[in-house]
């Protein structure tokens, strides 16, 4: 099983000019962002949200350094269907992560599992309050929905720094939403483009990158 590049949180450090109280991690999967942040900030409060049973149990076995909750981050509280497609078509990663958004119109979509979705605003009331927070989200193209579920936290300035892996076509509405709450893009890394042959006549081009937003 592939693993992510270690110590990705280093991309945040040049933009961190405050002492963070919370590290909110959407989609820890098999990565180590929570562990790396704990090493840098030993007293930081960490909350991770991982709906995929495979990765939830993996992070538990690794001793996740904070509260790990088996929820998907979304714009409302609901039961959410996670989909995947055949890895034969080139979507190898979706066999391990699934998505609520990527494949809703794909002819080969299959139900991976049904999970409980929650909003960050709601979770802050139950497990927080979240304040002076860093938000790190890599949640399979559901970043916009997650941020729509955090509008109160964004409005009061509780989330001060964001790293989000964003599909290029979703960049404009995400930037618009965040700019309404005083967060601007200050960095970009991990820029990628892939072209996948869905069938003999249909190719999909996907471009994405990690973008860092900071409270202005």
N, C-alpha and C. Protein backbone atom coordinates (compact mmCIF):
# COMPACT_ATOMS: atom_id res chain seq x y z
N UNK A 1 0.84 -1.20 0.00
CA UNK A 1 0.00 0.00 0.00
C UNK A 1 0.88 1.26 0.00
N UNK A 2 0.67 2.20 -0.94
CA UNK A 2 1.51 3.39 -0.98
C UNK A 2 1.33 4.23 0.28
N UNK A 3 2.34 4.99 0.63
CA UNK A 3 2.26 5.91 1.75
C UNK A 3 2.57 7.31 1.25
N UNK A 4 2.17 8.29 2.04
CA UNK A 4 2.39 9.66 1.65
C UNK A 4 3.80 10.12 2.01
N UNK A 5 4.24 11.17 1.34
CA UNK A 5 5.51 11.80 1.67
C UNK A 5 5.51 12.22 3.14
N UNK A 6 6.56 11.89 3.89
CA UNK A 6 6.58 12.26 5.30
C UNK A 6 6.81 13.76 5.50
N UNK A 7 6.40 14.23 6.67
CA UNK A 7 6.66 15.61 7.11
C UNK A 7 6.11 16.66 6.15
N UNK A 8 4.91 16.44 5.65
CA UNK A 8 4.30 17.44 4.77
C UNK A 8 3.94 18.71 5.52
N UNK A 9 3.79 18.64 6.84
CA UNK A 9 3.42 19.84 7.60
C UNK A 9 4.48 20.93 7.51
N UNK A 10 5.67 20.59 7.03
CA UNK A 10 6.72 21.60 6.90
C UNK A 10 6.28 22.74 5.98
N UNK A 11 5.34 22.46 5.06
CA UNK A 11 4.87 23.50 4.15
C UNK A 11 4.09 24.58 4.88
N UNK A 12 3.54 24.26 6.04
CA UNK A 12 2.79 25.23 6.82
C UNK A 12 3.69 26.17 7.62
N UNK A 13 4.82 25.68 8.04
CA UNK A 13 5.61 26.37 9.05
C UNK A 13 6.01 27.79 8.67
N UNK A 14 6.34 28.09 7.41
CA UNK A 14 6.68 29.49 7.09
C UNK A 14 5.52 30.46 7.28
N UNK A 15 4.30 29.94 7.34
CA UNK A 15 3.12 30.80 7.44
C UNK A 15 2.54 30.82 8.86
N UNK A 16 3.18 30.15 9.79
CA UNK A 16 2.66 30.03 11.15
C UNK A 16 3.29 31.11 12.02
N UNK A 17 2.55 32.19 12.25
CA UNK A 17 3.05 33.26 13.10
C UNK A 17 2.23 33.40 14.37
N UNK A 18 1.55 32.31 14.76
CA UNK A 18 0.80 32.29 16.01
C UNK A 18 0.99 30.92 16.65
N UNK A 19 0.67 30.82 17.91
CA UNK A 19 0.78 29.56 18.63
C UNK A 19 -0.54 28.80 18.46
N UNK A 20 -0.57 27.74 17.66
CA UNK A 20 -1.84 27.04 17.42
C UNK A 20 -2.31 26.26 18.64
N UNK A 21 -3.61 26.35 18.88
CA UNK A 21 -4.21 25.59 19.98
C UNK A 21 -4.78 24.26 19.49
N UNK A 22 -5.24 24.23 18.23
CA UNK A 22 -5.87 23.04 17.66
C UNK A 22 -5.27 22.73 16.30
N UNK A 23 -5.14 21.43 16.03
CA UNK A 23 -4.84 20.93 14.69
C UNK A 23 -5.99 20.03 14.29
N UNK A 24 -6.77 20.45 13.30
CA UNK A 24 -7.94 19.73 12.83
C UNK A 24 -7.57 19.04 11.53
N UNK A 25 -7.68 17.72 11.51
CA UNK A 25 -7.15 16.94 10.39
C UNK A 25 -8.26 16.11 9.75
N UNK A 26 -8.65 16.51 8.55
CA UNK A 26 -9.63 15.75 7.79
C UNK A 26 -8.93 14.78 6.87
N UNK A 27 -9.14 13.47 7.07
CA UNK A 27 -8.56 12.46 6.22
C UNK A 27 -7.12 12.12 6.54
N UNK A 28 -6.81 11.69 7.77
CA UNK A 28 -5.42 11.31 8.07
C UNK A 28 -4.92 10.14 7.25
N UNK A 29 -5.83 9.25 6.82
CA UNK A 29 -5.47 8.10 5.98
C UNK A 29 -4.25 7.38 6.55
N UNK A 30 -3.24 7.13 5.70
CA UNK A 30 -2.03 6.47 6.19
C UNK A 30 -0.87 7.45 6.33
N UNK A 31 -1.18 8.75 6.42
CA UNK A 31 -0.16 9.78 6.53
C UNK A 31 0.16 10.08 8.00
N UNK A 32 1.06 11.04 8.21
CA UNK A 32 1.58 11.27 9.56
C UNK A 32 1.49 12.73 9.98
N UNK A 33 0.57 13.51 9.40
CA UNK A 33 0.50 14.92 9.75
C UNK A 33 0.24 15.14 11.24
N UNK A 34 -0.65 14.34 11.83
CA UNK A 34 -0.94 14.50 13.26
C UNK A 34 0.30 14.22 14.10
N UNK A 35 1.00 13.15 13.78
CA UNK A 35 2.20 12.79 14.52
C UNK A 35 3.28 13.86 14.37
N UNK A 36 3.41 14.40 13.16
CA UNK A 36 4.43 15.42 12.92
C UNK A 36 4.10 16.72 13.66
N UNK A 37 2.82 17.09 13.70
CA UNK A 37 2.44 18.30 14.43
C UNK A 37 2.64 18.12 15.93
N UNK A 38 2.36 16.93 16.43
CA UNK A 38 2.58 16.67 17.86
C UNK A 38 4.06 16.81 18.21
N UNK A 39 4.94 16.40 17.32
CA UNK A 39 6.38 16.52 17.58
C UNK A 39 6.81 17.98 17.63
N UNK A 40 6.18 18.83 16.81
CA UNK A 40 6.54 20.25 16.78
C UNK A 40 5.88 21.01 17.92
N UNK A 41 4.61 20.69 18.19
CA UNK A 41 3.83 21.37 19.23
C UNK A 41 3.31 20.31 20.21
N UNK A 42 4.08 19.97 21.23
CA UNK A 42 3.71 18.86 22.13
C UNK A 42 2.38 19.05 22.86
N UNK A 43 1.94 20.30 23.06
CA UNK A 43 0.72 20.53 23.82
C UNK A 43 -0.49 20.83 22.94
N UNK A 44 -0.35 20.77 21.63
CA UNK A 44 -1.46 21.12 20.75
C UNK A 44 -2.57 20.07 20.87
N UNK A 45 -3.83 20.54 20.81
CA UNK A 45 -4.99 19.63 20.78
C UNK A 45 -5.20 19.19 19.33
N UNK A 46 -5.38 17.88 19.14
CA UNK A 46 -5.52 17.33 17.79
C UNK A 46 -6.84 16.58 17.68
N UNK A 47 -7.58 16.86 16.62
CA UNK A 47 -8.80 16.11 16.30
C UNK A 47 -8.71 15.65 14.86
N UNK A 48 -8.83 14.34 14.65
CA UNK A 48 -8.78 13.77 13.32
C UNK A 48 -10.12 13.18 12.93
N UNK A 49 -10.47 13.29 11.65
CA UNK A 49 -11.76 12.83 11.16
C UNK A 49 -11.51 11.91 9.97
N UNK A 50 -11.72 10.61 10.18
CA UNK A 50 -11.42 9.60 9.15
C UNK A 50 -12.57 8.60 9.07
N UNK A 51 -13.44 8.73 8.05
CA UNK A 51 -14.59 7.83 7.95
C UNK A 51 -14.25 6.44 7.42
N UNK A 52 -13.15 6.30 6.70
CA UNK A 52 -12.79 5.02 6.09
C UNK A 52 -12.35 4.04 7.17
N UNK A 53 -13.04 2.92 7.34
CA UNK A 53 -12.67 1.98 8.41
C UNK A 53 -11.24 1.49 8.33
N UNK A 54 -10.72 1.28 7.10
CA UNK A 54 -9.34 0.83 6.93
C UNK A 54 -8.37 1.80 7.58
N UNK A 55 -8.50 3.08 7.24
CA UNK A 55 -7.55 4.07 7.73
C UNK A 55 -7.83 4.46 9.18
N UNK A 56 -9.09 4.44 9.57
CA UNK A 56 -9.43 4.71 10.97
C UNK A 56 -8.73 3.71 11.88
N UNK A 57 -8.84 2.43 11.55
CA UNK A 57 -8.21 1.39 12.37
C UNK A 57 -6.69 1.44 12.27
N UNK A 58 -6.17 1.80 11.10
CA UNK A 58 -4.73 1.93 10.95
C UNK A 58 -4.18 3.02 11.86
N UNK A 59 -4.86 4.17 11.87
CA UNK A 59 -4.39 5.26 12.73
C UNK A 59 -4.54 4.93 14.21
N UNK A 60 -5.60 4.21 14.57
CA UNK A 60 -5.72 3.77 15.95
C UNK A 60 -4.55 2.86 16.33
N UNK A 61 -4.21 1.94 15.44
CA UNK A 61 -3.12 1.01 15.72
C UNK A 61 -1.79 1.73 15.83
N UNK A 62 -1.65 2.84 15.14
CA UNK A 62 -0.41 3.61 15.20
C UNK A 62 -0.37 4.55 16.41
N UNK A 63 -1.44 4.57 17.19
CA UNK A 63 -1.47 5.45 18.35
C UNK A 63 -1.70 6.90 17.97
N UNK A 64 -2.78 7.16 17.25
CA UNK A 64 -3.09 8.52 16.80
C UNK A 64 -2.99 9.48 17.99
N UNK A 65 -2.23 10.57 17.86
CA UNK A 65 -1.93 11.43 19.01
C UNK A 65 -2.99 12.49 19.28
N UNK A 66 -4.22 12.07 19.44
CA UNK A 66 -5.32 13.00 19.68
C UNK A 66 -6.62 12.24 19.63
N UNK A 67 -7.71 12.99 19.47
CA UNK A 67 -9.04 12.37 19.35
C UNK A 67 -9.29 12.03 17.89
N UNK A 68 -9.56 10.76 17.62
CA UNK A 68 -9.83 10.30 16.26
C UNK A 68 -11.30 9.90 16.16
N UNK A 69 -12.02 10.52 15.24
CA UNK A 69 -13.46 10.32 15.10
C UNK A 69 -13.77 9.78 13.71
N UNK A 70 -14.65 8.81 13.65
CA UNK A 70 -14.96 8.15 12.38
C UNK A 70 -16.12 8.87 11.68
N UNK A 71 -15.89 10.14 11.37
CA UNK A 71 -16.86 10.97 10.67
C UNK A 71 -16.26 11.50 9.38
N UNK A 72 -17.13 11.71 8.39
CA UNK A 72 -16.76 12.49 7.21
C UNK A 72 -17.10 13.95 7.48
N UNK A 73 -16.27 14.86 6.97
CA UNK A 73 -16.55 16.28 7.12
C UNK A 73 -17.38 16.74 5.93
N UNK A 74 -18.50 17.42 6.23
CA UNK A 74 -19.48 17.77 5.19
C UNK A 74 -20.16 19.06 5.56
N UNK A 75 -21.13 19.49 4.73
CA UNK A 75 -21.82 20.76 4.96
C UNK A 75 -23.09 20.60 5.79
N UNK A 76 -23.47 19.37 6.10
CA UNK A 76 -24.61 19.10 6.96
C UNK A 76 -24.43 17.73 7.59
N UNK A 77 -25.22 17.47 8.62
CA UNK A 77 -25.16 16.17 9.26
C UNK A 77 -26.10 15.21 8.52
N UNK A 78 -25.54 14.09 8.05
CA UNK A 78 -26.33 13.15 7.27
C UNK A 78 -25.58 11.84 7.12
N UNK A 79 -26.28 10.82 6.64
CA UNK A 79 -25.63 9.59 6.21
C UNK A 79 -25.11 9.83 4.80
N UNK A 80 -23.85 9.50 4.57
CA UNK A 80 -23.19 9.85 3.33
C UNK A 80 -22.66 8.59 2.65
N UNK A 81 -22.98 8.43 1.38
CA UNK A 81 -22.50 7.28 0.63
C UNK A 81 -21.13 7.57 0.05
N UNK A 82 -20.18 6.69 0.34
CA UNK A 82 -18.83 6.78 -0.21
C UNK A 82 -18.73 5.83 -1.39
N UNK A 83 -18.24 6.33 -2.53
CA UNK A 83 -18.21 5.57 -3.77
C UNK A 83 -16.77 5.29 -4.21
N UNK A 84 -16.62 4.25 -5.02
CA UNK A 84 -15.35 4.02 -5.69
C UNK A 84 -15.62 3.43 -7.06
N UNK A 85 -14.55 3.33 -7.86
CA UNK A 85 -14.64 2.71 -9.18
C UNK A 85 -13.51 1.70 -9.31
N UNK A 86 -13.54 0.94 -10.40
CA UNK A 86 -12.56 -0.11 -10.62
C UNK A 86 -11.16 0.47 -10.79
N UNK A 87 -10.19 -0.14 -10.12
CA UNK A 87 -8.81 0.31 -10.28
C UNK A 87 -8.27 0.00 -11.67
N UNK A 88 -8.95 -0.89 -12.40
CA UNK A 88 -8.51 -1.23 -13.76
C UNK A 88 -8.53 0.02 -14.64
N UNK A 89 -9.43 0.95 -14.33
CA UNK A 89 -9.56 2.16 -15.14
C UNK A 89 -8.51 3.21 -14.78
N UNK A 90 -7.64 2.92 -13.86
CA UNK A 90 -6.59 3.86 -13.51
C UNK A 90 -6.81 4.57 -12.20
N UNK A 91 -7.99 4.40 -11.61
CA UNK A 91 -8.29 5.06 -10.34
C UNK A 91 -7.81 4.18 -9.18
N UNK A 92 -6.49 3.91 -9.13
CA UNK A 92 -5.97 2.97 -8.14
C UNK A 92 -6.21 3.45 -6.72
N UNK A 93 -6.09 4.76 -6.49
CA UNK A 93 -6.19 5.25 -5.12
C UNK A 93 -7.62 5.14 -4.58
N UNK A 94 -8.61 5.19 -5.48
CA UNK A 94 -9.98 5.15 -5.01
C UNK A 94 -10.36 3.78 -4.45
N UNK A 95 -9.57 2.76 -4.73
CA UNK A 95 -9.81 1.45 -4.13
C UNK A 95 -9.44 1.44 -2.66
N UNK A 96 -8.71 2.46 -2.23
CA UNK A 96 -8.30 2.50 -0.85
C UNK A 96 -8.94 3.64 -0.07
N UNK A 97 -9.42 4.67 -0.76
CA UNK A 97 -9.91 5.84 -0.03
C UNK A 97 -11.39 6.13 -0.26
N UNK A 98 -11.93 5.89 -1.44
CA UNK A 98 -13.32 6.17 -1.78
C UNK A 98 -13.60 7.67 -1.70
N UNK A 99 -14.77 8.09 -2.15
CA UNK A 99 -15.11 9.51 -2.18
C UNK A 99 -16.62 9.67 -2.24
N UNK A 100 -17.10 10.74 -1.62
CA UNK A 100 -18.53 11.06 -1.70
C UNK A 100 -18.84 11.94 -2.90
N UNK A 101 -17.81 12.46 -3.57
CA UNK A 101 -18.04 13.46 -4.60
C UNK A 101 -17.50 13.09 -5.98
N UNK A 102 -16.43 12.31 -6.06
CA UNK A 102 -15.73 12.13 -7.33
C UNK A 102 -16.56 11.40 -8.38
N UNK A 103 -17.34 10.41 -7.98
CA UNK A 103 -17.86 9.45 -8.94
C UNK A 103 -19.38 9.41 -9.04
N UNK A 104 -20.04 10.46 -8.61
CA UNK A 104 -21.50 10.43 -8.59
C UNK A 104 -22.10 10.24 -9.99
N UNK A 105 -21.38 10.65 -11.04
CA UNK A 105 -21.88 10.51 -12.41
C UNK A 105 -21.12 9.45 -13.20
N UNK A 106 -20.25 8.71 -12.55
CA UNK A 106 -19.44 7.72 -13.25
C UNK A 106 -20.25 6.44 -13.49
N UNK A 107 -20.24 5.88 -14.70
CA UNK A 107 -21.05 4.70 -14.99
C UNK A 107 -20.61 3.45 -14.20
N UNK A 108 -19.39 3.42 -13.72
CA UNK A 108 -18.88 2.26 -13.01
C UNK A 108 -18.86 2.47 -11.49
N UNK A 109 -19.57 3.49 -11.01
CA UNK A 109 -19.54 3.78 -9.57
C UNK A 109 -20.12 2.63 -8.76
N UNK A 110 -19.52 2.40 -7.60
CA UNK A 110 -19.96 1.34 -6.71
C UNK A 110 -19.96 1.88 -5.29
N UNK A 111 -20.86 1.39 -4.48
CA UNK A 111 -20.94 1.82 -3.09
C UNK A 111 -19.82 1.15 -2.30
N UNK A 112 -18.96 1.96 -1.71
CA UNK A 112 -17.90 1.43 -0.85
C UNK A 112 -18.41 1.24 0.57
N UNK A 113 -19.05 2.27 1.12
CA UNK A 113 -19.62 2.19 2.46
C UNK A 113 -20.50 3.41 2.69
N UNK A 114 -21.31 3.37 3.72
CA UNK A 114 -22.10 4.51 4.14
C UNK A 114 -21.56 4.98 5.48
N UNK A 115 -21.29 6.28 5.60
CA UNK A 115 -20.67 6.82 6.80
C UNK A 115 -21.51 7.97 7.34
N UNK A 116 -21.22 8.37 8.56
CA UNK A 116 -21.88 9.52 9.15
C UNK A 116 -21.08 10.77 8.85
N UNK A 117 -21.74 11.78 8.30
CA UNK A 117 -21.09 13.05 8.01
C UNK A 117 -21.50 14.08 9.05
N UNK A 118 -20.53 14.92 9.42
CA UNK A 118 -20.76 15.97 10.40
C UNK A 118 -20.13 17.27 9.89
N UNK A 119 -20.56 18.39 10.46
CA UNK A 119 -19.96 19.67 10.14
C UNK A 119 -18.92 20.03 11.20
N UNK A 120 -17.92 20.79 10.79
CA UNK A 120 -16.93 21.26 11.75
C UNK A 120 -17.55 22.20 12.78
N UNK A 121 -18.54 23.00 12.37
CA UNK A 121 -19.22 23.86 13.33
C UNK A 121 -19.87 23.03 14.43
N UNK A 122 -20.55 21.97 14.05
CA UNK A 122 -21.21 21.07 15.00
C UNK A 122 -20.18 20.36 15.88
N UNK A 123 -19.11 19.87 15.27
CA UNK A 123 -18.09 19.15 16.01
C UNK A 123 -17.37 20.06 17.00
N UNK A 124 -17.23 21.34 16.67
CA UNK A 124 -16.62 22.28 17.60
C UNK A 124 -17.45 22.42 18.86
N UNK A 125 -18.77 22.45 18.71
CA UNK A 125 -19.64 22.55 19.87
C UNK A 125 -19.55 21.31 20.75
N UNK A 126 -19.37 20.15 20.12
CA UNK A 126 -19.35 18.90 20.87
C UNK A 126 -17.97 18.57 21.46
N UNK A 127 -16.90 18.84 20.71
CA UNK A 127 -15.58 18.39 21.13
C UNK A 127 -14.60 19.54 21.36
N UNK A 128 -14.99 20.76 21.06
CA UNK A 128 -14.11 21.91 21.20
C UNK A 128 -14.38 22.71 22.47
N UNK A 129 -14.44 24.03 22.37
CA UNK A 129 -14.48 24.75 21.09
C UNK A 129 -13.13 24.80 20.40
N UNK A 130 -13.16 24.71 19.07
CA UNK A 130 -11.96 24.86 18.28
C UNK A 130 -11.63 26.35 18.17
N UNK A 131 -10.40 26.72 18.45
CA UNK A 131 -9.97 28.11 18.32
C UNK A 131 -8.47 28.13 18.05
N UNK A 132 -8.00 29.25 17.49
CA UNK A 132 -6.61 29.35 17.05
C UNK A 132 -6.20 28.05 16.35
N UNK A 133 -6.99 27.66 15.37
CA UNK A 133 -6.89 26.33 14.77
C UNK A 133 -6.21 26.36 13.40
N UNK A 134 -5.47 25.28 13.15
CA UNK A 134 -5.01 24.94 11.81
C UNK A 134 -5.93 23.85 11.29
N UNK A 135 -6.42 24.01 10.08
CA UNK A 135 -7.25 22.99 9.44
C UNK A 135 -6.48 22.40 8.27
N UNK A 136 -6.33 21.07 8.28
CA UNK A 136 -5.64 20.36 7.20
C UNK A 136 -6.63 19.37 6.62
N UNK A 137 -7.00 19.53 5.35
CA UNK A 137 -8.00 18.65 4.74
C UNK A 137 -7.51 18.11 3.40
N UNK A 138 -7.53 16.80 3.32
CA UNK A 138 -7.27 16.06 2.09
C UNK A 138 -8.34 14.97 2.05
N UNK A 139 -9.53 15.33 1.58
CA UNK A 139 -10.71 14.48 1.77
C UNK A 139 -11.40 14.16 0.45
N UNK A 140 -10.59 13.85 -0.54
CA UNK A 140 -11.08 13.27 -1.79
C UNK A 140 -12.14 14.14 -2.47
N UNK A 141 -11.78 15.43 -2.65
CA UNK A 141 -12.58 16.39 -3.41
C UNK A 141 -13.85 16.84 -2.70
N UNK A 142 -13.92 16.65 -1.38
CA UNK A 142 -15.05 17.16 -0.60
C UNK A 142 -14.65 18.38 0.22
N UNK A 143 -13.56 19.05 -0.17
CA UNK A 143 -13.06 20.18 0.61
C UNK A 143 -14.06 21.34 0.65
N UNK A 144 -14.73 21.61 -0.47
CA UNK A 144 -15.70 22.70 -0.50
C UNK A 144 -16.86 22.42 0.46
N UNK A 145 -17.35 21.19 0.44
CA UNK A 145 -18.46 20.84 1.34
C UNK A 145 -18.03 20.94 2.80
N UNK A 146 -16.81 20.54 3.09
CA UNK A 146 -16.29 20.66 4.45
C UNK A 146 -16.27 22.12 4.89
N UNK A 147 -15.76 22.99 4.05
CA UNK A 147 -15.64 24.40 4.41
C UNK A 147 -17.01 25.06 4.55
N UNK A 148 -17.97 24.63 3.76
CA UNK A 148 -19.34 25.15 3.93
C UNK A 148 -19.91 24.76 5.28
N UNK A 149 -19.41 23.67 5.84
CA UNK A 149 -19.85 23.25 7.17
C UNK A 149 -19.05 23.87 8.29
N UNK A 150 -18.18 24.82 7.96
CA UNK A 150 -17.36 25.49 8.98
C UNK A 150 -17.52 27.00 8.92
N UNK A 151 -18.64 27.48 8.38
CA UNK A 151 -18.77 28.92 8.15
C UNK A 151 -18.80 29.70 9.46
N UNK A 152 -19.32 29.13 10.52
CA UNK A 152 -19.31 29.85 11.79
C UNK A 152 -17.89 29.97 12.33
N UNK A 153 -17.13 28.88 12.28
CA UNK A 153 -15.74 28.92 12.72
C UNK A 153 -14.93 29.90 11.87
N UNK A 154 -15.20 29.93 10.58
CA UNK A 154 -14.52 30.87 9.71
C UNK A 154 -14.93 32.31 10.01
N UNK A 155 -16.21 32.50 10.29
CA UNK A 155 -16.73 33.85 10.55
C UNK A 155 -16.10 34.47 11.79
N UNK A 156 -15.92 33.67 12.84
CA UNK A 156 -15.37 34.21 14.09
C UNK A 156 -13.84 34.16 14.13
N UNK A 157 -13.23 33.68 13.06
CA UNK A 157 -11.77 33.66 12.99
C UNK A 157 -11.13 32.55 13.79
N UNK A 158 -11.89 31.50 14.12
CA UNK A 158 -11.34 30.40 14.90
C UNK A 158 -10.35 29.56 14.10
N UNK A 159 -10.56 29.46 12.79
CA UNK A 159 -9.63 28.77 11.90
C UNK A 159 -8.75 29.82 11.25
N UNK A 160 -7.46 29.78 11.56
CA UNK A 160 -6.54 30.84 11.13
C UNK A 160 -5.61 30.43 10.00
N UNK A 161 -5.46 29.14 9.80
CA UNK A 161 -4.57 28.65 8.74
C UNK A 161 -5.14 27.36 8.19
N UNK A 162 -5.16 27.24 6.88
CA UNK A 162 -5.75 26.07 6.22
C UNK A 162 -4.79 25.53 5.18
N UNK A 163 -4.62 24.22 5.17
CA UNK A 163 -4.01 23.53 4.03
C UNK A 163 -5.09 22.62 3.44
N UNK A 164 -5.36 22.76 2.17
CA UNK A 164 -6.39 21.95 1.52
C UNK A 164 -5.90 21.45 0.18
N UNK A 165 -6.07 20.15 -0.06
CA UNK A 165 -5.81 19.62 -1.39
C UNK A 165 -7.06 19.87 -2.23
N UNK A 166 -6.90 20.61 -3.32
CA UNK A 166 -8.05 21.13 -4.05
C UNK A 166 -7.96 20.76 -5.53
N UNK A 167 -9.05 20.22 -6.05
CA UNK A 167 -9.18 20.00 -7.49
C UNK A 167 -9.30 21.35 -8.18
N UNK A 168 -8.61 21.51 -9.31
CA UNK A 168 -8.52 22.81 -9.96
C UNK A 168 -9.89 23.43 -10.23
N UNK A 169 -10.85 22.62 -10.66
CA UNK A 169 -12.16 23.18 -11.00
C UNK A 169 -12.93 23.66 -9.78
N UNK A 170 -12.54 23.20 -8.58
CA UNK A 170 -13.21 23.65 -7.35
C UNK A 170 -12.48 24.81 -6.68
N UNK A 171 -11.37 25.24 -7.26
CA UNK A 171 -10.59 26.31 -6.66
C UNK A 171 -11.37 27.63 -6.57
N UNK A 172 -12.06 28.08 -7.64
CA UNK A 172 -12.75 29.37 -7.56
C UNK A 172 -13.79 29.46 -6.44
N UNK A 173 -14.72 28.49 -6.29
CA UNK A 173 -15.69 28.65 -5.19
C UNK A 173 -15.05 28.55 -3.81
N UNK A 174 -13.98 27.77 -3.67
CA UNK A 174 -13.30 27.69 -2.37
C UNK A 174 -12.62 29.02 -2.05
N UNK A 175 -11.92 29.60 -3.02
CA UNK A 175 -11.28 30.89 -2.78
C UNK A 175 -12.32 31.96 -2.46
N UNK A 176 -13.45 31.94 -3.15
CA UNK A 176 -14.50 32.93 -2.90
C UNK A 176 -15.05 32.78 -1.49
N UNK A 177 -15.33 31.55 -1.09
CA UNK A 177 -15.87 31.32 0.25
C UNK A 177 -14.89 31.79 1.32
N UNK A 178 -13.63 31.43 1.18
CA UNK A 178 -12.64 31.78 2.19
C UNK A 178 -12.35 33.27 2.21
N UNK A 179 -12.36 33.90 1.04
CA UNK A 179 -12.10 35.35 1.01
C UNK A 179 -13.19 36.12 1.71
N UNK A 180 -14.42 35.60 1.70
CA UNK A 180 -15.52 36.24 2.42
C UNK A 180 -15.26 36.30 3.91
N UNK A 181 -14.39 35.41 4.39
CA UNK A 181 -14.08 35.34 5.82
C UNK A 181 -12.64 35.73 6.11
N UNK A 182 -12.01 36.43 5.15
CA UNK A 182 -10.71 37.01 5.40
C UNK A 182 -9.54 36.08 5.29
N UNK A 183 -9.69 34.94 4.61
CA UNK A 183 -8.58 34.03 4.38
C UNK A 183 -8.14 34.12 2.92
N UNK A 184 -6.84 34.29 2.73
CA UNK A 184 -6.31 34.44 1.37
C UNK A 184 -5.24 33.38 1.13
N UNK A 185 -5.07 33.01 -0.14
CA UNK A 185 -4.06 32.02 -0.51
C UNK A 185 -2.67 32.62 -0.35
N UNK A 186 -1.79 31.90 0.36
CA UNK A 186 -0.43 32.39 0.60
C UNK A 186 0.63 31.39 0.15
N UNK A 187 0.21 30.21 -0.28
CA UNK A 187 1.18 29.21 -0.72
C UNK A 187 0.52 28.10 -1.50
N UNK A 188 1.33 27.42 -2.31
CA UNK A 188 0.83 26.31 -3.13
C UNK A 188 1.94 25.29 -3.30
N UNK A 189 1.62 24.01 -3.17
CA UNK A 189 2.62 22.97 -3.32
C UNK A 189 1.95 21.69 -3.80
N UNK A 190 2.75 20.70 -4.18
CA UNK A 190 2.23 19.42 -4.64
C UNK A 190 1.28 19.59 -5.82
N UNK A 191 1.75 20.27 -6.85
CA UNK A 191 0.93 20.53 -8.05
C UNK A 191 0.99 19.30 -8.95
N UNK A 192 -0.19 18.78 -9.32
CA UNK A 192 -0.27 17.52 -10.07
C UNK A 192 -1.30 17.59 -11.18
N UNK A 193 -1.04 16.84 -12.24
CA UNK A 193 -2.03 16.62 -13.29
C UNK A 193 -1.92 15.16 -13.74
N UNK A 194 -3.07 14.49 -13.85
CA UNK A 194 -3.09 13.14 -14.38
C UNK A 194 -4.15 13.05 -15.47
N UNK A 195 -3.92 12.16 -16.43
CA UNK A 195 -4.90 11.86 -17.46
C UNK A 195 -5.20 10.38 -17.37
N UNK A 196 -6.48 10.04 -17.21
CA UNK A 196 -6.89 8.66 -17.01
C UNK A 196 -7.80 8.23 -18.15
N UNK A 197 -7.50 7.07 -18.73
CA UNK A 197 -8.36 6.50 -19.76
C UNK A 197 -9.51 5.76 -19.10
N UNK A 198 -10.70 6.34 -19.15
CA UNK A 198 -11.88 5.69 -18.59
C UNK A 198 -12.34 4.55 -19.48
N UNK A 199 -12.35 4.78 -20.79
CA UNK A 199 -12.61 3.71 -21.76
C UNK A 199 -11.93 4.11 -23.07
N UNK A 200 -12.27 3.43 -24.16
CA UNK A 200 -11.58 3.67 -25.44
C UNK A 200 -11.80 5.07 -25.99
N UNK A 201 -12.87 5.73 -25.56
CA UNK A 201 -13.20 7.03 -26.15
C UNK A 201 -13.23 8.16 -25.12
N UNK A 202 -13.05 7.85 -23.88
CA UNK A 202 -13.24 8.85 -22.82
C UNK A 202 -12.00 8.93 -21.94
N UNK A 203 -11.39 10.12 -21.91
CA UNK A 203 -10.23 10.36 -21.05
C UNK A 203 -10.58 11.47 -20.07
N UNK A 204 -10.10 11.33 -18.85
CA UNK A 204 -10.36 12.31 -17.80
C UNK A 204 -9.04 12.97 -17.41
N UNK A 205 -9.02 14.28 -17.46
CA UNK A 205 -7.84 15.04 -17.02
C UNK A 205 -8.16 15.67 -15.66
N UNK A 206 -7.32 15.38 -14.68
CA UNK A 206 -7.54 15.90 -13.34
C UNK A 206 -6.29 16.65 -12.89
N UNK A 207 -6.48 17.90 -12.47
CA UNK A 207 -5.38 18.71 -11.94
C UNK A 207 -5.74 19.14 -10.53
N UNK A 208 -4.76 19.07 -9.64
CA UNK A 208 -5.01 19.45 -8.26
C UNK A 208 -3.70 19.91 -7.62
N UNK A 209 -3.84 20.56 -6.48
CA UNK A 209 -2.67 20.98 -5.72
C UNK A 209 -3.09 21.25 -4.28
N UNK A 210 -2.12 21.34 -3.40
CA UNK A 210 -2.35 21.78 -2.04
C UNK A 210 -2.19 23.30 -1.99
N UNK A 211 -3.16 23.96 -1.40
CA UNK A 211 -3.14 25.42 -1.28
C UNK A 211 -3.23 25.77 0.20
N UNK A 212 -2.41 26.73 0.62
CA UNK A 212 -2.41 27.21 2.00
C UNK A 212 -3.10 28.56 2.05
N UNK A 213 -4.09 28.65 2.92
CA UNK A 213 -4.83 29.91 3.13
C UNK A 213 -4.57 30.39 4.55
N UNK A 214 -4.44 31.71 4.67
CA UNK A 214 -4.14 32.30 5.97
C UNK A 214 -5.10 33.44 6.25
N UNK A 215 -5.47 33.59 7.52
CA UNK A 215 -6.33 34.69 7.93
C UNK A 215 -5.60 36.00 7.70
N UNK A 216 -6.21 36.89 6.91
CA UNK A 216 -5.56 38.14 6.53
C UNK A 216 -5.53 39.10 7.72
